[in-house]
Amino acid sequence: MDRSAATSQQLYRVPDAMQLLSLSRSVIYEQIRTGRLKSVTQGRTRLIPASAITDYVNMLQREADGDDAA
């Protein structure tokens, strides 16, 4: 396995995503429920892929840019 791939985190637990996105637990789960933030489950653990966090931030930026144009 590539060393950089082994050291870069690919999946985040909800508390880690809360800290990364500066959002509360309830907001994280609401965004997951509505499909705005993608997640996966491993057993009983809800995990958020790093790519989903990036996609979510990009979506928020697009929405903000759209609001400025209105």
PDB file of N, CA and C in Angstrom:
ATOM      1  N   MET A   1       0.840  -1.192   0.000  1.00  0.00           N
ATOM      2  CA  MET A   1       0.000   0.000   0.000  1.00  0.00           C
ATOM      3  C   MET A   1       0.877   1.245   0.000  1.00  0.00           C
ATOM      4  N   ASP A   2       0.492   2.227  -0.760  1.00  0.00           N
ATOM      5  CA  ASP A   2       1.206   3.489  -0.827  1.00  0.00           C
ATOM      6  C   ASP A   2       1.201   4.160   0.542  1.00  0.00           C
ATOM      7  N   ARG A   3       2.345   4.610   0.985  1.00  0.00           N
ATOM      8  CA  ARG A   3       2.466   5.204   2.318  1.00  0.00           C
ATOM      9  C   ARG A   3       1.571   6.430   2.476  1.00  0.00           C
ATOM     10  N   SER A   4       1.473   7.300   1.462  1.00  0.00           N
ATOM     11  CA  SER A   4       0.624   8.496   1.576  1.00  0.00           C
ATOM     12  C   SER A   4      -0.849   8.115   1.687  1.00  0.00           C
ATOM     13  N   ALA A   5      -1.259   7.062   1.005  1.00  0.00           N
ATOM     14  CA  ALA A   5      -2.644   6.610   1.098  1.00  0.00           C
ATOM     15  C   ALA A   5      -2.928   6.035   2.479  1.00  0.00           C
ATOM     16  N   ALA A   6      -1.922   5.394   3.074  1.00  0.00           N
ATOM     17  CA  ALA A   6      -2.113   4.792   4.387  1.00  0.00           C
ATOM     18  C   ALA A   6      -2.206   5.855   5.476  1.00  0.00           C
ATOM     19  N   THR A   7      -1.563   6.994   5.283  1.00  0.00           N
ATOM     20  CA  THR A   7      -1.553   8.021   6.327  1.00  0.00           C
ATOM     21  C   THR A   7      -2.647   9.054   6.161  1.00  0.00           C
ATOM     22  N   SER A   8      -3.225   9.181   4.973  1.00  0.00           N
ATOM     23  CA  SER A   8      -4.296  10.158   4.791  1.00  0.00           C
ATOM     24  C   SER A   8      -5.622   9.513   5.154  1.00  0.00           C
ATOM     25  N   GLN A   9      -6.373  10.192   5.992  1.00  0.00           N
ATOM     26  CA  GLN A   9      -7.638   9.639   6.477  1.00  0.00           C
ATOM     27  C   GLN A   9      -8.693   9.706   5.383  1.00  0.00           C
ATOM     28  N   GLN A  10      -9.366   8.591   5.157  1.00  0.00           N
ATOM     29  CA  GLN A  10     -10.373   8.508   4.106  1.00  0.00           C
ATOM     30  C   GLN A  10     -11.789   8.544   4.645  1.00  0.00           C
ATOM     31  N   LEU A  11     -11.975   8.105   5.897  1.00  0.00           N
ATOM     32  CA  LEU A  11     -13.292   8.061   6.506  1.00  0.00           C
ATOM     33  C   LEU A  11     -13.251   8.750   7.861  1.00  0.00           C
ATOM     34  N   TYR A  12     -14.300   9.510   8.136  1.00  0.00           N
ATOM     35  CA  TYR A  12     -14.388  10.253   9.394  1.00  0.00           C
ATOM     36  C   TYR A  12     -15.626   9.828  10.163  1.00  0.00           C
ATOM     37  N   ARG A  13     -15.486   9.652  11.464  1.00  0.00           N
ATOM     38  CA  ARG A  13     -16.638   9.433  12.333  1.00  0.00           C
ATOM     39  C   ARG A  13     -17.385  10.751  12.452  1.00  0.00           C
ATOM     40  N   VAL A  14     -18.640  10.683  12.863  1.00  0.00           N
ATOM     41  CA  VAL A  14     -19.466  11.893  12.957  1.00  0.00           C
ATOM     42  C   VAL A  14     -18.814  12.971  13.827  1.00  0.00           C
ATOM     43  N   PRO A  15     -18.271  12.650  15.018  1.00  0.00           N
ATOM     44  CA  PRO A  15     -17.630  13.724  15.815  1.00  0.00           C
ATOM     45  C   PRO A  15     -16.480  14.416  15.079  1.00  0.00           C
ATOM     46  N   ASP A  16     -15.726  13.659  14.273  1.00  0.00           N
ATOM     47  CA  ASP A  16     -14.636  14.258  13.498  1.00  0.00           C
ATOM     48  C   ASP A  16     -15.186  15.170  12.403  1.00  0.00           C
ATOM     49  N   ALA A  17     -16.253  14.727  11.746  1.00  0.00           N
ATOM     50  CA  ALA A  17     -16.890  15.551  10.710  1.00  0.00           C
ATOM     51  C   ALA A  17     -17.484  16.811  11.325  1.00  0.00           C
ATOM     52  N   MET A  18     -18.051  16.684  12.524  1.00  0.00           N
ATOM     53  CA  MET A  18     -18.596  17.849  13.224  1.00  0.00           C
ATOM     54  C   MET A  18     -17.505  18.905  13.410  1.00  0.00           C
ATOM     55  N   GLN A  19     -16.336  18.462  13.830  1.00  0.00           N
ATOM     56  CA  GLN A  19     -15.224  19.389  14.059  1.00  0.00           C
ATOM     57  C   GLN A  19     -14.716  19.975  12.740  1.00  0.00           C
ATOM     58  N   LEU A  20     -14.561  19.134  11.719  1.00  0.00           N
ATOM     59  CA  LEU A  20     -14.062  19.606  10.428  1.00  0.00           C
ATOM     60  C   LEU A  20     -14.989  20.641   9.804  1.00  0.00           C
ATOM     61  N   LEU A  21     -16.311  20.421   9.926  1.00  0.00           N
ATOM     62  CA  LEU A  21     -17.293  21.287   9.276  1.00  0.00           C
ATOM     63  C   LEU A  21     -17.852  22.372  10.195  1.00  0.00           C
ATOM     64  N   SER A  22     -17.468  22.332  11.471  1.00  0.00           N
ATOM     65  CA  SER A  22     -17.977  23.292  12.464  1.00  0.00           C
ATOM     66  C   SER A  22     -19.505  23.263  12.525  1.00  0.00           C
ATOM     67  N   LEU A  23     -20.061  22.041  12.546  1.00  0.00           N
ATOM     68  CA  LEU A  23     -21.502  21.851  12.606  1.00  0.00           C
ATOM     69  C   LEU A  23     -21.844  20.979  13.803  1.00  0.00           C
ATOM     70  N   SER A  24     -23.061  21.132  14.301  1.00  0.00           N
ATOM     71  CA  SER A  24     -23.509  20.309  15.420  1.00  0.00           C
ATOM     72  C   SER A  24     -23.857  18.905  14.941  1.00  0.00           C
ATOM     73  N   ARG A  25     -23.970  17.997  15.890  1.00  0.00           N
ATOM     74  CA  ARG A  25     -24.325  16.610  15.584  1.00  0.00           C
ATOM     75  C   ARG A  25     -25.669  16.547  14.872  1.00  0.00           C
ATOM     76  N   SER A  26     -26.639  17.302  15.361  1.00  0.00           N
ATOM     77  CA  SER A  26     -27.972  17.253  14.753  1.00  0.00           C
ATOM     78  C   SER A  26     -27.949  17.779  13.320  1.00  0.00           C
ATOM     79  N   VAL A  27     -27.161  18.795  13.058  1.00  0.00           N
ATOM     80  CA  VAL A  27     -27.063  19.333  11.693  1.00  0.00           C
ATOM     81  C   VAL A  27     -26.380  18.319  10.774  1.00  0.00           C
ATOM     82  N   ILE A  28     -25.335  17.669  11.256  1.00  0.00           N
ATOM     83  CA  ILE A  28     -24.667  16.632  10.448  1.00  0.00           C
ATOM     84  C   ILE A  28     -25.669  15.551  10.051  1.00  0.00           C
ATOM     85  N   TYR A  29     -26.429  15.053  11.033  1.00  0.00           N
ATOM     86  CA  TYR A  29     -27.385  13.989  10.728  1.00  0.00           C
ATOM     87  C   TYR A  29     -28.517  14.486   9.836  1.00  0.00           C
ATOM     88  N   GLU A  30     -28.918  15.731   9.968  1.00  0.00           N
ATOM     89  CA  GLU A  30     -29.951  16.289   9.081  1.00  0.00           C
ATOM     90  C   GLU A  30     -29.428  16.367   7.644  1.00  0.00           C
ATOM     91  N   GLN A  31     -28.181  16.789   7.481  1.00  0.00           N
ATOM     92  CA  GLN A  31     -27.587  16.865   6.142  1.00  0.00           C
ATOM     93  C   GLN A  31     -27.450  15.477   5.527  1.00  0.00           C
ATOM     94  N   ILE A  32     -27.138  14.477   6.353  1.00  0.00           N
ATOM     95  CA  ILE A  32     -27.075  13.097   5.872  1.00  0.00           C
ATOM     96  C   ILE A  32     -28.470  12.635   5.457  1.00  0.00           C
ATOM     97  N   ARG A  33     -29.469  12.910   6.308  1.00  0.00           N
ATOM     98  CA  ARG A  33     -30.845  12.465   6.045  1.00  0.00           C
ATOM     99  C   ARG A  33     -31.377  13.042   4.735  1.00  0.00           C
ATOM    100  N   THR A  34     -31.060  14.313   4.471  1.00  0.00           N
ATOM    101  CA  THR A  34     -31.561  14.961   3.263  1.00  0.00           C
ATOM    102  C   THR A  34     -30.712  14.646   2.020  1.00  0.00           C
ATOM    103  N   GLY A  35     -29.580  13.948   2.211  1.00  0.00           N
ATOM    104  CA  GLY A  35     -28.741  13.575   1.077  1.00  0.00           C
ATOM    105  C   GLY A  35     -27.722  14.623   0.681  1.00  0.00           C
ATOM    106  N   ARG A  36     -27.643  15.692   1.430  1.00  0.00           N
ATOM    107  CA  ARG A  36     -26.665  16.743   1.112  1.00  0.00           C
ATOM    108  C   ARG A  36     -25.252  16.357   1.532  1.00  0.00           C
ATOM    109  N   LEU A  37     -25.131  15.474   2.527  1.00  0.00           N
ATOM    110  CA  LEU A  37     -23.840  14.971   2.981  1.00  0.00           C
ATOM    111  C   LEU A  37     -23.899  13.451   2.906  1.00  0.00           C
ATOM    112  N   LYS A  38     -23.056  12.871   2.083  1.00  0.00           N
ATOM    113  CA  LYS A  38     -23.055  11.423   1.888  1.00  0.00           C
ATOM    114  C   LYS A  38     -22.335  10.736   3.044  1.00  0.00           C
ATOM    115  N   SER A  39     -22.798   9.529   3.356  1.00  0.00           N
ATOM    116  CA  SER A  39     -22.156   8.746   4.411  1.00  0.00           C
ATOM    117  C   SER A  39     -22.279   7.268   4.085  1.00  0.00           C
ATOM    118  N   VAL A  40     -21.502   6.478   4.799  1.00  0.00           N
ATOM    119  CA  VAL A  40     -21.545   5.031   4.680  1.00  0.00           C
ATOM    120  C   VAL A  40     -21.626   4.452   6.087  1.00  0.00           C
ATOM    121  N   THR A  41     -22.030   3.208   6.180  1.00  0.00           N
ATOM    122  CA  THR A  41     -22.021   2.552   7.476  1.00  0.00           C
ATOM    123  C   THR A  41     -21.112   1.330   7.421  1.00  0.00           C
ATOM    124  N   GLN A  42     -20.427   1.108   8.510  1.00  0.00           N
ATOM    125  CA  GLN A  42     -19.602  -0.086   8.692  1.00  0.00           C
ATOM    126  C   GLN A  42     -20.073  -0.685  10.006  1.00  0.00           C
ATOM    127  N   GLY A  43     -20.839  -1.752   9.896  1.00  0.00           N
ATOM    128  CA  GLY A  43     -21.471  -2.291  11.090  1.00  0.00           C
ATOM    129  C   GLY A  43     -22.490  -1.283  11.593  1.00  0.00           C
ATOM    130  N   ARG A  44     -22.342  -0.844  12.834  1.00  0.00           N
ATOM    131  CA  ARG A  44     -23.249   0.157  13.405  1.00  0.00           C
ATOM    132  C   ARG A  44     -22.655   1.563  13.369  1.00  0.00           C
ATOM    133  N   THR A  45     -21.478   1.705  12.778  1.00  0.00           N
ATOM    134  CA  THR A  45     -20.779   2.990  12.767  1.00  0.00           C
ATOM    135  C   THR A  45     -21.073   3.766  11.496  1.00  0.00           C
ATOM    136  N   ARG A  46     -21.513   5.006  11.643  1.00  0.00           N
ATOM    137  CA  ARG A  46     -21.747   5.909  10.518  1.00  0.00           C
ATOM    138  C   ARG A  46     -20.428   6.611  10.222  1.00  0.00           C
ATOM    139  N   LEU A  47     -19.981   6.538   8.978  1.00  0.00           N
ATOM    140  CA  LEU A  47     -18.721   7.148   8.559  1.00  0.00           C
ATOM    141  C   LEU A  47     -18.969   8.067   7.379  1.00  0.00           C
ATOM    142  N   ILE A  48     -18.216   9.153   7.346  1.00  0.00           N
ATOM    143  CA  ILE A  48     -18.347  10.125   6.269  1.00  0.00           C
ATOM    144  C   ILE A  48     -17.039  10.131   5.481  1.00  0.00           C
ATOM    145  N   PRO A  49     -17.104   9.773   4.199  1.00  0.00           N
ATOM    146  CA  PRO A  49     -15.888   9.775   3.382  1.00  0.00           C
ATOM    147  C   PRO A  49     -15.307  11.190   3.243  1.00  0.00           C
ATOM    148  N   ALA A  50     -13.995  11.260   3.177  1.00  0.00           N
ATOM    149  CA  ALA A  50     -13.324  12.546   2.991  1.00  0.00           C
ATOM    150  C   ALA A  50     -13.838  13.236   1.728  1.00  0.00           C
ATOM    151  N   SER A  51     -14.095  12.461   0.688  1.00  0.00           N
ATOM    152  CA  SER A  51     -14.598  13.042  -0.563  1.00  0.00           C
ATOM    153  C   SER A  51     -15.984  13.666  -0.366  1.00  0.00           C
ATOM    154  N   ALA A  52     -16.797  13.087   0.520  1.00  0.00           N
ATOM    155  CA  ALA A  52     -18.131  13.634   0.776  1.00  0.00           C
ATOM    156  C   ALA A  52     -18.029  14.970   1.499  1.00  0.00           C
ATOM    157  N   ILE A  53     -17.041  15.100   2.376  1.00  0.00           N
ATOM    158  CA  ILE A  53     -16.838  16.370   3.071  1.00  0.00           C
ATOM    159  C   ILE A  53     -16.418  17.434   2.069  1.00  0.00           C
ATOM    160  N   THR A  54     -15.505  17.079   1.174  1.00  0.00           N
ATOM    161  CA  THR A  54     -15.074  18.016   0.131  1.00  0.00           C
ATOM    162  C   THR A  54     -16.248  18.405  -0.763  1.00  0.00           C
ATOM    163  N   ASP A  55     -17.046  17.427  -1.173  1.00  0.00           N
ATOM    164  CA  ASP A  55     -18.211  17.706  -2.019  1.00  0.00           C
ATOM    165  C   ASP A  55     -19.202  18.629  -1.307  1.00  0.00           C
ATOM    166  N   TYR A  56     -19.404  18.405  -0.019  1.00  0.00           N
ATOM    167  CA  TYR A  56     -20.341  19.210   0.767  1.00  0.00           C
ATOM    168  C   TYR A  56     -19.866  20.673   0.836  1.00  0.00           C
ATOM    169  N   VAL A  57     -18.587  20.867   1.100  1.00  0.00           N
ATOM    170  CA  VAL A  57     -18.031  22.228   1.157  1.00  0.00           C
ATOM    171  C   VAL A  57     -18.148  22.902  -0.207  1.00  0.00           C
ATOM    172  N   ASN A  58     -17.855  22.181  -1.273  1.00  0.00           N
ATOM    173  CA  ASN A  58     -17.980  22.738  -2.626  1.00  0.00           C
ATOM    174  C   ASN A  58     -19.424  23.122  -2.930  1.00  0.00           C
ATOM    175  N   MET A  59     -20.374  22.287  -2.498  1.00  0.00           N
ATOM    176  CA  MET A  59     -21.787  22.579  -2.705  1.00  0.00           C
ATOM    177  C   MET A  59     -22.182  23.855  -1.964  1.00  0.00           C
ATOM    178  N   LEU A  60     -21.708  24.010  -0.728  1.00  0.00           N
ATOM    179  CA  LEU A  60     -22.010  25.222   0.036  1.00  0.00           C
ATOM    180  C   LEU A  60     -21.438  26.463  -0.652  1.00  0.00           C
ATOM    181  N   GLN A  61     -20.239  26.325  -1.206  1.00  0.00           N
ATOM    182  CA  GLN A  61     -19.628  27.453  -1.917  1.00  0.00           C
ATOM    183  C   GLN A  61     -20.417  27.804  -3.169  1.00  0.00           C
ATOM    184  N   ARG A  62     -20.866  26.786  -3.916  1.00  0.00           N
ATOM    185  CA  ARG A  62     -21.695  27.047  -5.108  1.00  0.00           C
ATOM    186  C   ARG A  62     -22.994  27.736  -4.718  1.00  0.00           C
ATOM    187  N   GLU A  63     -23.619  27.265  -3.639  1.00  0.00           N
ATOM    188  CA  GLU A  63     -24.866  27.885  -3.166  1.00  0.00           C
ATOM    189  C   GLU A  63     -24.632  29.331  -2.760  1.00  0.00           C
ATOM    190  N   ALA A  64     -23.529  29.608  -2.108  1.00  0.00           N
ATOM    191  CA  ALA A  64     -23.209  30.974  -1.695  1.00  0.00           C
ATOM    192  C   ALA A  64     -22.966  31.860  -2.910  1.00  0.00           C
ATOM    193  N   ASP A  65     -22.279  31.332  -3.918  1.00  0.00           N
ATOM    194  CA  ASP A  65     -22.032  32.088  -5.143  1.00  0.00           C
ATOM    195  C   ASP A  65     -23.350  32.372  -5.868  1.00  0.00           C
ATOM    196  N   GLY A  66     -24.252  31.417  -5.854  1.00  0.00           N
ATOM    197  CA  GLY A  66     -25.552  31.596  -6.483  1.00  0.00           C
ATOM    198  C   GLY A  66     -26.388  32.642  -5.771  1.00  0.00           C
ATOM    199  N   ASP A  67     -26.288  32.713  -4.440  1.00  0.00           N
ATOM    200  CA  ASP A  67     -27.027  33.700  -3.662  1.00  0.00           C
ATOM    201  C   ASP A  67     -26.525  35.105  -3.957  1.00  0.00           C
ATOM    202  N   ASP A  68     -25.215  35.246  -4.226  1.00  0.00           N
ATOM    203  CA  ASP A  68     -24.659  36.560  -4.522  1.00  0.00           C
ATOM    204  C   ASP A  68     -25.158  37.086  -5.859  1.00  0.00           C
ATOM    205  N   ALA A  69     -25.393  36.161  -6.804  1.00  0.00           N
ATOM    206  CA  ALA A  69     -25.818  36.567  -8.130  1.00  0.00           C
ATOM    207  C   ALA A  69     -27.295  36.946  -8.165  1.00  0.00           C
ATOM    208  N   ALA A  70     -28.060  36.491  -7.194  1.00  0.00           N
ATOM    209  CA  ALA A  70     -29.505  36.750  -7.192  1.00  0.00           C
ATOM    210  C   ALA A  70     -29.832  38.170  -6.798  1.00  0.00           C
TER     211      ALA A  70
END
